[in-house]
Protein backbone atom coordinates (compact mmCIF):
# COMPACT_ATOMS: atom_id res chain seq x y z
CA MET A 1 -36.52 5.07 -69.49
CA SER A 2 -33.11 6.40 -68.56
CA VAL A 3 -31.92 3.46 -66.45
CA SER A 4 -29.33 0.98 -67.70
CA LEU A 5 -30.15 -2.64 -67.06
CA THR A 6 -26.77 -3.99 -68.10
CA ALA A 7 -25.94 -5.45 -64.65
CA PRO A 8 -29.15 -7.51 -64.30
CA LEU A 9 -28.89 -8.51 -67.98
CA LEU A 10 -25.31 -9.69 -67.42
CA ARG A 11 -26.35 -11.80 -64.40
CA ALA A 12 -29.32 -13.33 -66.22
CA THR A 13 -27.39 -14.07 -69.43
CA THR A 14 -24.25 -15.55 -67.88
CA SER A 15 -26.17 -17.73 -65.44
CA THR A 16 -28.49 -18.99 -68.20
CA PHE A 17 -25.62 -19.95 -70.50
CA GLU A 18 -23.75 -21.63 -67.66
CA GLU A 19 -26.66 -23.46 -66.01
CA LEU A 20 -28.82 -24.34 -69.01
CA ALA A 21 -26.36 -24.63 -71.90
CA LEU A 22 -23.35 -25.70 -69.78
CA LEU A 23 -21.11 -23.08 -71.42
CA PHE A 24 -18.88 -20.79 -69.38
CA ALA A 25 -19.63 -17.16 -70.17
CA PHE A 26 -17.27 -14.21 -69.66
CA PRO A 27 -18.15 -10.54 -70.26
CA ASP A 28 -16.19 -9.15 -73.20
CA ASP A 29 -16.88 -5.61 -74.43
CA ALA A 30 -14.31 -6.07 -77.22
CA LEU A 31 -16.72 -8.27 -79.20
CA ALA A 32 -18.11 -5.31 -81.16
CA ALA A 33 -17.36 -6.94 -84.50
CA ALA A 34 -18.27 -10.54 -83.63
CA PRO A 35 -20.65 -11.82 -86.32
CA VAL A 36 -24.06 -13.02 -85.17
CA HIS A 37 -24.99 -16.25 -86.96
CA ALA A 38 -28.45 -16.70 -85.41
CA SER A 39 -30.66 -14.71 -83.08
CA ALA A 40 -33.88 -15.06 -81.13
CA ALA A 41 -36.20 -12.52 -79.54
CA VAL A 42 -38.77 -12.73 -76.77
CA HIS A 43 -41.35 -9.94 -76.53
CA PHE A 44 -42.84 -9.06 -73.15
CA ASP A 45 -45.69 -6.95 -71.84
CA GLY A 46 -46.55 -5.75 -68.34
CA PRO A 47 -45.66 -2.60 -66.42
CA SER A 48 -43.03 -2.16 -69.17
CA ALA A 49 -43.09 -3.65 -72.65
CA GLY A 50 -40.31 -4.57 -75.02
CA ARG A 51 -38.14 -7.51 -75.99
CA LEU A 52 -35.00 -9.40 -75.20
CA ALA A 53 -32.78 -10.27 -78.17
CA LEU A 54 -30.08 -12.94 -77.98
CA GLY A 55 -27.58 -13.59 -80.78
CA VAL A 56 -24.80 -16.16 -81.05
CA SER A 57 -21.86 -16.91 -83.33
CA ALA A 58 -22.01 -19.99 -85.58
CA PRO A 59 -20.21 -22.52 -83.33
CA VAL A 60 -22.41 -21.69 -80.33
CA LEU A 61 -25.70 -22.76 -81.91
CA PRO A 62 -24.97 -26.51 -82.16
CA ALA A 63 -23.12 -26.46 -78.82
CA ILE A 64 -26.09 -25.11 -76.86
CA ALA A 65 -28.51 -27.57 -78.44
CA THR A 66 -26.19 -30.53 -77.90
CA ASN A 67 -25.60 -29.61 -74.26
CA MET A 68 -29.22 -28.75 -73.47
CA LEU A 69 -30.50 -32.00 -74.99
CA GLY A 70 -27.66 -34.17 -73.73
CA ALA A 71 -27.14 -35.39 -77.29
CA ASP A 72 -24.05 -37.14 -78.61
CA ALA A 73 -24.16 -35.18 -81.88
CA ALA A 74 -25.51 -31.80 -82.89
CA PRO A 75 -29.29 -31.87 -83.39
CA ASP A 76 -30.86 -30.59 -86.61
CA ALA A 77 -31.07 -26.87 -87.36
CA ALA A 78 -34.67 -26.54 -86.12
CA LEU A 79 -33.77 -27.92 -82.69
CA GLN A 80 -30.72 -25.65 -82.57
CA ARG A 81 -32.94 -22.60 -83.18
CA ASP A 82 -35.41 -23.88 -80.56
CA ALA A 83 -32.59 -24.19 -78.01
CA LEU A 84 -31.50 -20.61 -78.70
CA GLY A 85 -35.12 -19.47 -78.32
CA GLU A 86 -35.38 -21.25 -74.98
CA LEU A 87 -32.20 -19.55 -73.75
CA ALA A 88 -33.65 -16.17 -74.81
CA ASN A 89 -36.90 -17.02 -73.00
CA VAL A 90 -35.10 -17.85 -69.74
CA VAL A 91 -32.87 -14.76 -69.92
CA CYS A 92 -35.93 -12.59 -70.57
CA GLY A 93 -37.88 -14.15 -67.69
CA ASN A 94 -34.97 -13.52 -65.34
CA VAL A 95 -34.28 -9.91 -66.37
CA VAL A 96 -37.75 -8.34 -66.80
CA PRO A 97 -38.47 -8.23 -63.06
CA SER A 98 -35.70 -5.59 -62.94
CA LEU A 99 -38.00 -3.29 -64.91
CA ALA A 100 -40.58 -2.99 -62.11
CA ASP A 101 -41.29 -3.76 -58.47
CA ALA A 102 -41.39 -7.29 -57.06
CA ALA A 103 -45.18 -7.60 -57.37
CA ALA A 104 -45.24 -6.80 -61.10
CA VAL A 105 -46.51 -9.40 -63.53
CA PHE A 106 -45.05 -9.71 -67.03
CA ARG A 107 -46.33 -11.80 -69.95
CA LEU A 108 -43.72 -13.32 -72.25
CA ARG A 109 -44.52 -14.32 -75.82
CA ALA A 110 -43.06 -17.37 -77.53
CA PRO A 111 -39.49 -16.90 -78.77
CA GLU A 112 -39.03 -15.91 -82.42
CA SER A 113 -35.93 -17.13 -84.27
CA ALA A 114 -34.12 -15.15 -86.94
CA ALA A 115 -31.16 -15.71 -89.22
CA GLY A 116 -28.14 -13.54 -88.59
CA ASP A 117 -28.55 -10.43 -86.49
CA ALA A 118 -32.09 -9.60 -87.65
CA ALA A 119 -33.48 -9.66 -84.09
CA MET A 120 -30.61 -7.62 -82.67
CA GLN A 121 -31.54 -4.19 -84.05
CA ALA A 122 -33.83 -1.69 -82.32
CA GLY A 123 -37.25 -1.49 -83.91
CA ALA A 124 -39.52 1.50 -84.26
CA GLY A 125 -40.29 3.00 -80.86
CA GLU A 126 -37.71 0.82 -79.05
CA THR A 127 -34.84 1.98 -76.84
CA MET A 128 -31.98 -0.30 -75.85
CA VAL A 129 -31.61 -0.26 -72.04
CA GLY A 130 -28.99 -2.98 -71.68
CA GLU A 131 -26.39 -4.82 -73.71
CA VAL A 132 -24.07 -7.68 -72.78
CA ARG A 133 -21.33 -9.20 -74.94
CA LEU A 134 -19.98 -12.57 -73.87
CA THR A 135 -17.13 -14.87 -74.80
CA LEU A 136 -18.24 -18.49 -74.47
CA ASP A 137 -16.39 -21.81 -74.62
CA GLU A 138 -17.47 -22.22 -78.23
CA GLY A 139 -17.71 -18.66 -79.54
CA SER A 140 -19.55 -15.50 -78.59
CA ALA A 141 -23.00 -14.19 -77.69
CA ILE A 142 -24.70 -10.84 -77.35
CA ALA A 143 -27.86 -10.00 -75.44
CA ARG A 144 -29.80 -6.76 -75.80
CA LEU A 145 -32.81 -5.57 -73.83
CA PHE A 146 -35.16 -3.13 -75.54
CA VAL A 147 -38.15 -1.31 -74.09
CA ARG A 148 -40.96 0.18 -76.16
CA ASP A 149 -42.04 3.75 -75.85
CA VAL A 150 -45.56 4.28 -74.56
CA GLY A 151 -48.02 4.05 -77.45
CA SER A 152 -45.72 2.01 -79.73
CA PRO A 153 -47.13 -1.28 -81.08
């Protein structure tokens, strides 16, 4: 696939952070060295197959969980990872229709959490077709969309 899906990925990621996590998100290509504290990935299948990976810096993880749950204090680490996974799931669901026509049906798997940037690297047979780096109220985030080559597991 030779198409870049950065524009739809940017729309899906910024709107998800702003509407679901209540954090303002601004594109920032200068975040190349921003450390990823936690990441989540959502695999999808359909007319195209691949995964969406979402990584955040350390201060973002408790902020998204607190805002999404309406809590007074940061929830425990498991709920923080679940909140990140839910953000990844929503971003993925909003961006995969850009991979096919309007009638296409995609199946999303449950989000998988990872420490650090483990989910952010391309796997065997994957090609990155979009990347977005964001500055948030509380830190930074990066989203990457990968598609799998035909015949890859």
